[in-house]
Amino acid sequence: METSIIGLLKKDVVNGAKAIFKKGLVDIGEGNVSIRMPNKKEFLITPTFNQYEKMRRDDVVHLTFDGKQLSQGKNTSTEYRLHAAIYRIRPNANCIIHTHSPYATMLSILRRDIPTLMEEMVILLGGPINVSEFAIAHTDNIAEKAVSALNNTNGILLANHGVIVCGRNMSHTVKMAEVVEKMALIYWGALQIGDPFTISKEACNNLMNDFNSNFSTY
């Protein structure tokens, strides 16, 4: 039974990884995808320097929240601390995706939050996309900064690094990663023309029920 569950979850990780690669949100060897093990302080994650096109279930790494690797074979992504920190504080977050998608990363380098431009940002992510404070990659510090910046939303920009999103399932989480990049591109494009208008707080409040019922992870 245990092996069957792990096999299905590994398949989910592979599918999520291949989806973000196909959408151009990561290049080979960057970014990572994970999924929580039900009722355990453990998760499954893509390996370090992942080869997205060739990835198989056997490449997925099984480890504890404390970083102890439980599987044989490939080594874990070096960003496992980022995932573990979010799983610890988000009981409803079952999947996490980290990307280096170009426009979102560009805004993260500018330390530019993305304001609430479209309704789907509220429904899927819970509002604006904030930028975390800078911290060195692969450390506990970047995990702490990410957790702090998330607040009650499902996604942020990691300063000078990329994107992190979390969701209730893999399809939701892939979509969130896609939406962050799309909003970054739209915001960048709008700024070339003028000052973008944002959605009012009143309108956002009317959309929060949908977010809280179907997509929130806090």
C-alpha atoms as a PDB file:
ATOM      1  CA  MET A   1       0.000   0.000   0.000  1.00  0.00           C
ATOM      2  CA  GLU A   2       2.800   2.392   1.006  1.00  0.00           C
ATOM      3  CA  THR A   3       4.750   1.663  -2.175  1.00  0.00           C
ATOM      4  CA  SER A   4       1.649   2.269  -4.289  1.00  0.00           C
ATOM      5  CA  ILE A   5       1.027   5.675  -2.660  1.00  0.00           C
ATOM      6  CA  ILE A   6       4.657   6.706  -3.113  1.00  0.00           C
ATOM      7  CA  GLY A   7       4.538   5.632  -6.752  1.00  0.00           C
ATOM      8  CA  LEU A   8       1.490   7.796  -7.443  1.00  0.00           C
ATOM      9  CA  LEU A   9       3.008  10.791  -5.667  1.00  0.00           C
ATOM     10  CA  LYS A  10       6.281  10.376  -7.564  1.00  0.00           C
ATOM     11  CA  LYS A  11       4.294  10.366 -10.795  1.00  0.00           C
ATOM     12  CA  ASP A  12       2.684  13.648  -9.706  1.00  0.00           C
ATOM     13  CA  VAL A  13       6.127  15.188  -9.105  1.00  0.00           C
ATOM     14  CA  VAL A  14       7.369  14.051 -12.522  1.00  0.00           C
ATOM     15  CA  ASN A  15       4.244  15.394 -14.242  1.00  0.00           C
ATOM     16  CA  GLY A  16       4.552  18.738 -12.458  1.00  0.00           C
ATOM     17  CA  ALA A  17       8.245  18.998 -13.304  1.00  0.00           C
ATOM     18  CA  LYS A  18       7.705  18.223 -16.972  1.00  0.00           C
ATOM     19  CA  ALA A  19       4.798  20.702 -17.110  1.00  0.00           C
ATOM     20  CA  ILE A  20       6.827  23.675 -15.850  1.00  0.00           C
ATOM     21  CA  PHE A  21       9.690  22.762 -18.172  1.00  0.00           C
ATOM     22  CA  LYS A  22       7.353  22.562 -21.157  1.00  0.00           C
ATOM     23  CA  LYS A  23       5.874  25.954 -20.232  1.00  0.00           C
ATOM     24  CA  GLY A  24       9.347  27.529 -20.180  1.00  0.00           C
ATOM     25  CA  LEU A  25       9.307  28.322 -16.463  1.00  0.00           C
ATOM     26  CA  VAL A  26      12.598  26.512 -15.801  1.00  0.00           C
ATOM     27  CA  ASP A  27      15.672  25.385 -17.707  1.00  0.00           C
ATOM     28  CA  ILE A  28      17.552  22.128 -17.185  1.00  0.00           C
ATOM     29  CA  GLY A  29      19.277  22.021 -13.824  1.00  0.00           C
ATOM     30  CA  GLU A  30      17.240  24.746 -12.104  1.00  0.00           C
ATOM     31  CA  GLY A  31      14.040  25.010 -10.104  1.00  0.00           C
ATOM     32  CA  ASN A  32      12.344  22.209  -8.181  1.00  0.00           C
ATOM     33  CA  VAL A  33       9.001  20.516  -7.552  1.00  0.00           C
ATOM     34  CA  SER A  34       7.819  18.678  -4.445  1.00  0.00           C
ATOM     35  CA  ILE A  35       4.800  16.971  -2.928  1.00  0.00           C
ATOM     36  CA  ARG A  36       3.966  16.250   0.718  1.00  0.00           C
ATOM     37  CA  MET A  37       3.703  12.680   2.023  1.00  0.00           C
ATOM     38  CA  PRO A  38       0.264  12.333   3.671  1.00  0.00           C
ATOM     39  CA  ASN A  39       0.274  12.315   7.486  1.00  0.00           C
ATOM     40  CA  LYS A  40       4.066  12.375   7.721  1.00  0.00           C
ATOM     41  CA  LYS A  41       6.816  14.950   8.142  1.00  0.00           C
ATOM     42  CA  GLU A  42       8.236  13.817   4.807  1.00  0.00           C
ATOM     43  CA  PHE A  43       8.055  14.882   1.167  1.00  0.00           C
ATOM     44  CA  LEU A  44       9.140  13.906  -2.333  1.00  0.00           C
ATOM     45  CA  ILE A  45      11.201  16.322  -4.420  1.00  0.00           C
ATOM     46  CA  THR A  46      13.042  16.604  -7.721  1.00  0.00           C
ATOM     47  CA  PRO A  47      16.782  15.820  -7.582  1.00  0.00           C
ATOM     48  CA  THR A  48      19.632  18.278  -7.771  1.00  0.00           C
ATOM     49  CA  PHE A  49      20.417  19.534 -11.292  1.00  0.00           C
ATOM     50  CA  ASN A  50      17.267  17.903 -12.623  1.00  0.00           C
ATOM     51  CA  GLN A  51      17.142  16.776 -16.275  1.00  0.00           C
ATOM     52  CA  TYR A  52      13.496  17.604 -16.939  1.00  0.00           C
ATOM     53  CA  GLU A  53      13.097  15.982 -20.336  1.00  0.00           C
ATOM     54  CA  LYS A  54      14.586  12.667 -19.205  1.00  0.00           C
ATOM     55  CA  MET A  55      13.125  12.636 -15.694  1.00  0.00           C
ATOM     56  CA  ARG A  56      11.616   9.375 -14.363  1.00  0.00           C
ATOM     57  CA  ARG A  57       9.897   8.371 -11.137  1.00  0.00           C
ATOM     58  CA  ASP A  58      13.111   6.756  -9.870  1.00  0.00           C
ATOM     59  CA  ASP A  59      14.793  10.178  -9.984  1.00  0.00           C
ATOM     60  CA  VAL A  60      12.408  11.597  -7.362  1.00  0.00           C
ATOM     61  CA  VAL A  61      13.966  11.901  -3.903  1.00  0.00           C
ATOM     62  CA  HIS A  62      12.200  11.002  -0.632  1.00  0.00           C
ATOM     63  CA  LEU A  63      13.294  12.906   2.474  1.00  0.00           C
ATOM     64  CA  THR A  64      12.171  14.151   5.876  1.00  0.00           C
ATOM     65  CA  PHE A  65      11.444  17.759   6.782  1.00  0.00           C
ATOM     66  CA  ASP A  66      14.836  17.754   8.543  1.00  0.00           C
ATOM     67  CA  GLY A  67      16.607  16.857   5.306  1.00  0.00           C
ATOM     68  CA  LYS A  68      17.348  13.183   5.967  1.00  0.00           C
ATOM     69  CA  GLN A  69      17.269  11.358   2.620  1.00  0.00           C
ATOM     70  CA  LEU A  70      15.175   8.177   2.791  1.00  0.00           C
ATOM     71  CA  SER A  71      15.614   7.052  -0.818  1.00  0.00           C
ATOM     72  CA  GLN A  72      18.549   5.604  -2.729  1.00  0.00           C
ATOM     73  CA  GLY A  73      19.860   6.996  -5.997  1.00  0.00           C
ATOM     74  CA  LYS A  74      19.981  10.686  -6.860  1.00  0.00           C
ATOM     75  CA  ASN A  75      20.645  13.421  -4.321  1.00  0.00           C
ATOM     76  CA  THR A  76      17.953  15.864  -3.292  1.00  0.00           C
ATOM     77  CA  SER A  77      17.533  19.353  -4.672  1.00  0.00           C
ATOM     78  CA  THR A  78      19.708  21.757  -2.727  1.00  0.00           C
ATOM     79  CA  GLU A  79      16.616  23.925  -2.135  1.00  0.00           C
ATOM     80  CA  TYR A  80      14.882  21.282   0.006  1.00  0.00           C
ATOM     81  CA  ARG A  81      14.999  23.639   3.037  1.00  0.00           C
ATOM     82  CA  LEU A  82      12.744  26.088   1.198  1.00  0.00           C
ATOM     83  CA  HIS A  83      10.116  23.393   0.669  1.00  0.00           C
ATOM     84  CA  ALA A  84      10.371  21.932   4.172  1.00  0.00           C
ATOM     85  CA  ALA A  85       9.937  25.350   5.800  1.00  0.00           C
ATOM     86  CA  ILE A  86       6.694  25.974   3.907  1.00  0.00           C
ATOM     87  CA  TYR A  87       5.311  22.497   4.596  1.00  0.00           C
ATOM     88  CA  ARG A  88       5.933  23.011   8.306  1.00  0.00           C
ATOM     89  CA  ILE A  89       3.787  26.149   8.515  1.00  0.00           C
ATOM     90  CA  ARG A  90       1.226  25.321   5.806  1.00  0.00           C
ATOM     91  CA  PRO A  91      -0.749  22.163   6.651  1.00  0.00           C
ATOM     92  CA  ASN A  92      -2.928  22.659   3.568  1.00  0.00           C
ATOM     93  CA  ALA A  93       0.027  23.044   1.196  1.00  0.00           C
ATOM     94  CA  ASN A  94       0.504  19.678  -0.476  1.00  0.00           C
ATOM     95  CA  CYS A  95       2.714  20.785  -3.374  1.00  0.00           C
ATOM     96  CA  ILE A  96       5.435  23.390  -3.877  1.00  0.00           C
ATOM     97  CA  ILE A  97       7.073  24.626  -7.077  1.00  0.00           C
ATOM     98  CA  HIS A  98      10.139  26.854  -7.388  1.00  0.00           C
ATOM     99  CA  THR A  99      10.933  28.354 -10.799  1.00  0.00           C
ATOM    100  CA  HIS A 100      13.347  30.815 -12.368  1.00  0.00           C
ATOM    101  CA  SER A 101      10.819  32.070 -14.934  1.00  0.00           C
ATOM    102  CA  PRO A 102      12.334  35.076 -16.769  1.00  0.00           C
ATOM    103  CA  TYR A 103       9.927  37.986 -16.226  1.00  0.00           C
ATOM    104  CA  ALA A 104       9.188  37.096 -12.615  1.00  0.00           C
ATOM    105  CA  THR A 105      12.903  36.745 -11.915  1.00  0.00           C
ATOM    106  CA  MET A 106      13.544  40.086 -13.604  1.00  0.00           C
ATOM    107  CA  LEU A 107      11.068  41.762 -11.235  1.00  0.00           C
ATOM    108  CA  SER A 108      12.608  39.930  -8.281  1.00  0.00           C
ATOM    109  CA  ILE A 109      15.960  41.501  -9.202  1.00  0.00           C
ATOM    110  CA  LEU A 110      14.293  44.921  -9.285  1.00  0.00           C
ATOM    111  CA  ARG A 111      12.657  44.032  -5.925  1.00  0.00           C
ATOM    112  CA  ARG A 112       9.350  45.058  -7.509  1.00  0.00           C
ATOM    113  CA  ASP A 113       6.157  43.616  -5.965  1.00  0.00           C
ATOM    114  CA  ILE A 114       3.442  42.809  -8.496  1.00  0.00           C
ATOM    115  CA  PRO A 115       0.220  44.609  -7.468  1.00  0.00           C
ATOM    116  CA  THR A 116      -3.210  43.087  -7.944  1.00  0.00           C
ATOM    117  CA  LEU A 117      -3.723  43.521 -11.678  1.00  0.00           C
ATOM    118  CA  MET A 118      -6.270  40.819 -12.507  1.00  0.00           C
ATOM    119  CA  GLU A 119      -8.899  38.796 -10.675  1.00  0.00           C
ATOM    120  CA  GLU A 120      -7.101  35.478 -11.106  1.00  0.00           C
ATOM    121  CA  MET A 121      -4.295  36.774  -8.889  1.00  0.00           C
ATOM    122  CA  VAL A 122      -6.746  37.024  -5.999  1.00  0.00           C
ATOM    123  CA  ILE A 123      -8.553  33.766  -6.714  1.00  0.00           C
ATOM    124  CA  LEU A 124      -5.446  31.613  -7.179  1.00  0.00           C
ATOM    125  CA  LEU A 125      -2.744  33.402  -5.194  1.00  0.00           C
ATOM    126  CA  GLY A 126      -4.660  35.426  -2.624  1.00  0.00           C
ATOM    127  CA  GLY A 127      -3.631  38.892  -3.782  1.00  0.00           C
ATOM    128  CA  PRO A 128      -0.477  40.743  -4.839  1.00  0.00           C
ATOM    129  CA  ILE A 129       2.813  38.939  -5.415  1.00  0.00           C
ATOM    130  CA  ASN A 130       5.360  40.290  -2.959  1.00  0.00           C
ATOM    131  CA  VAL A 131       9.152  40.057  -3.065  1.00  0.00           C
ATOM    132  CA  SER A 132      10.975  38.473  -0.134  1.00  0.00           C
ATOM    133  CA  GLU A 133      14.033  39.967   1.487  1.00  0.00           C
ATOM    134  CA  PHE A 134      17.275  38.729  -0.042  1.00  0.00           C
ATOM    135  CA  ALA A 135      19.012  35.646   1.330  1.00  0.00           C
ATOM    136  CA  ILE A 136      21.641  33.268  -0.041  1.00  0.00           C
ATOM    137  CA  ALA A 137      20.182  30.292  -1.941  1.00  0.00           C
ATOM    138  CA  HIS A 138      20.204  26.787  -0.419  1.00  0.00           C
ATOM    139  CA  THR A 139      20.219  28.102   3.163  1.00  0.00           C
ATOM    140  CA  ASP A 140      17.834  28.138   6.111  1.00  0.00           C
ATOM    141  CA  ASN A 141      17.846  31.922   5.801  1.00  0.00           C
ATOM    142  CA  ILE A 142      16.210  31.963   2.364  1.00  0.00           C
ATOM    143  CA  ALA A 143      13.571  29.587   3.715  1.00  0.00           C
ATOM    144  CA  GLU A 144      12.863  31.941   6.628  1.00  0.00           C
ATOM    145  CA  LYS A 145      12.631  34.965   4.326  1.00  0.00           C
ATOM    146  CA  ALA A 146      10.254  33.106   1.992  1.00  0.00           C
ATOM    147  CA  VAL A 147       7.945  32.028   4.809  1.00  0.00           C
ATOM    148  CA  SER A 148       7.826  35.595   6.129  1.00  0.00           C
ATOM    149  CA  ALA A 149       6.998  37.101   2.726  1.00  0.00           C
ATOM    150  CA  LEU A 150       4.278  34.564   1.911  1.00  0.00           C
ATOM    151  CA  ASN A 151       1.985  35.919   4.620  1.00  0.00           C
ATOM    152  CA  ASN A 152      -1.410  34.370   3.666  1.00  0.00           C
ATOM    153  CA  THR A 153      -0.779  34.142  -0.079  1.00  0.00           C
ATOM    154  CA  ASN A 154       0.226  31.163  -2.219  1.00  0.00           C
ATOM    155  CA  GLY A 155       3.139  32.734  -4.073  1.00  0.00           C
ATOM    156  CA  ILE A 156       5.998  35.220  -3.873  1.00  0.00           C
ATOM    157  CA  LEU A 157       9.080  36.367  -5.727  1.00  0.00           C
ATOM    158  CA  LEU A 158      12.372  35.383  -4.103  1.00  0.00           C
ATOM    159  CA  ALA A 159      14.680  38.398  -4.222  1.00  0.00           C
ATOM    160  CA  ASN A 160      17.263  38.048  -7.011  1.00  0.00           C
ATOM    161  CA  HIS A 161      16.316  34.410  -7.426  1.00  0.00           C
ATOM    162  CA  GLY A 162      12.902  33.475  -8.826  1.00  0.00           C
ATOM    163  CA  VAL A 163       9.462  32.277  -7.748  1.00  0.00           C
ATOM    164  CA  ILE A 164       7.992  29.993  -5.084  1.00  0.00           C
ATOM    165  CA  VAL A 165       4.339  28.891  -5.083  1.00  0.00           C
ATOM    166  CA  CYS A 166       2.375  26.359  -3.034  1.00  0.00           C
ATOM    167  CA  GLY A 167      -0.982  24.705  -3.633  1.00  0.00           C
ATOM    168  CA  ARG A 168      -3.396  22.024  -2.544  1.00  0.00           C
ATOM    169  CA  ASN A 169      -2.577  19.777  -5.494  1.00  0.00           C
ATOM    170  CA  MET A 170      -0.092  19.626  -8.343  1.00  0.00           C
ATOM    171  CA  SER A 171      -2.361  20.968 -11.086  1.00  0.00           C
ATOM    172  CA  HIS A 172      -3.245  24.009  -8.951  1.00  0.00           C
ATOM    173  CA  THR A 173       0.410  24.626  -8.155  1.00  0.00           C
ATOM    174  CA  VAL A 174       1.561  24.382 -11.771  1.00  0.00           C
ATOM    175  CA  LYS A 175      -1.162  26.866 -12.697  1.00  0.00           C
ATOM    176  CA  MET A 176      -0.029  29.248  -9.950  1.00  0.00           C
ATOM    177  CA  ALA A 177       3.563  29.171 -11.196  1.00  0.00           C
ATOM    178  CA  GLU A 178       2.254  29.927 -14.673  1.00  0.00           C
ATOM    179  CA  VAL A 179       0.076  32.803 -13.419  1.00  0.00           C
ATOM    180  CA  VAL A 180       2.983  34.420 -11.553  1.00  0.00           C
ATOM    181  CA  GLU A 181       5.053  34.514 -14.746  1.00  0.00           C
ATOM    182  CA  LYS A 182       2.101  35.756 -16.810  1.00  0.00           C
ATOM    183  CA  MET A 183       1.381  38.555 -14.326  1.00  0.00           C
ATOM    184  CA  ALA A 184       5.068  39.512 -14.289  1.00  0.00           C
ATOM    185  CA  LEU A 185       5.074  39.783 -18.079  1.00  0.00           C
ATOM    186  CA  ILE A 186       1.823  41.775 -18.119  1.00  0.00           C
ATOM    187  CA  TYR A 187       3.054  44.120 -15.389  1.00  0.00           C
ATOM    188  CA  TRP A 188       6.384  44.679 -17.137  1.00  0.00           C
ATOM    189  CA  GLY A 189       4.581  45.374 -20.433  1.00  0.00           C
ATOM    190  CA  ALA A 190       2.083  47.759 -18.851  1.00  0.00           C
ATOM    191  CA  LEU A 191       4.918  49.698 -17.191  1.00  0.00           C
ATOM    192  CA  GLN A 192       6.441  50.354 -20.621  1.00  0.00           C
ATOM    193  CA  ILE A 193       3.296  52.282 -21.591  1.00  0.00           C
ATOM    194  CA  GLY A 194       2.208  54.032 -18.409  1.00  0.00           C
ATOM    195  CA  ASP A 195       1.036  53.591 -14.831  1.00  0.00           C
ATOM    196  CA  PRO A 196      -1.014  50.376 -14.496  1.00  0.00           C
ATOM    197  CA  PHE A 197      -4.396  50.518 -12.759  1.00  0.00           C
ATOM    198  CA  THR A 198      -4.908  47.934 -10.025  1.00  0.00           C
ATOM    199  CA  ILE A 199      -8.046  46.181  -8.783  1.00  0.00           C
ATOM    200  CA  SER A 200      -9.647  47.925  -5.812  1.00  0.00           C
ATOM    201  CA  LYS A 201      -9.564  46.456  -2.298  1.00  0.00           C
ATOM    202  CA  GLU A 202     -13.344  46.172  -2.362  1.00  0.00           C
ATOM    203  CA  ALA A 203     -13.248  44.090  -5.550  1.00  0.00           C
ATOM    204  CA  CYS A 204     -10.467  41.924  -4.098  1.00  0.00           C
ATOM    205  CA  ASN A 205     -12.471  41.291  -0.935  1.00  0.00           C
ATOM    206  CA  ASN A 206     -15.364  40.010  -3.040  1.00  0.00           C
ATOM    207  CA  LEU A 207     -13.056  37.399  -4.577  1.00  0.00           C
ATOM    208  CA  MET A 208     -11.498  36.154  -1.351  1.00  0.00           C
ATOM    209  CA  ASN A 209     -14.258  33.647  -0.620  1.00  0.00           C
ATOM    210  CA  ASP A 210     -13.347  31.791  -3.798  1.00  0.00           C
ATOM    211  CA  PHE A 211      -9.664  31.831  -2.805  1.00  0.00           C
ATOM    212  CA  ASN A 212     -10.300  30.678   0.749  1.00  0.00           C
ATOM    213  CA  SER A 213     -12.697  27.924  -0.307  1.00  0.00           C
ATOM    214  CA  ASN A 214     -10.769  26.468  -3.218  1.00  0.00           C
ATOM    215  CA  PHE A 215      -7.103  27.515  -3.313  1.00  0.00           C
ATOM    216  CA  SER A 216      -5.750  28.917  -0.033  1.00  0.00           C
ATOM    217  CA  THR A 217      -3.108  26.893   1.838  1.00  0.00           C
ATOM    218  CA  TYR A 218      -2.640  28.922   5.032  1.00  0.00           C
END
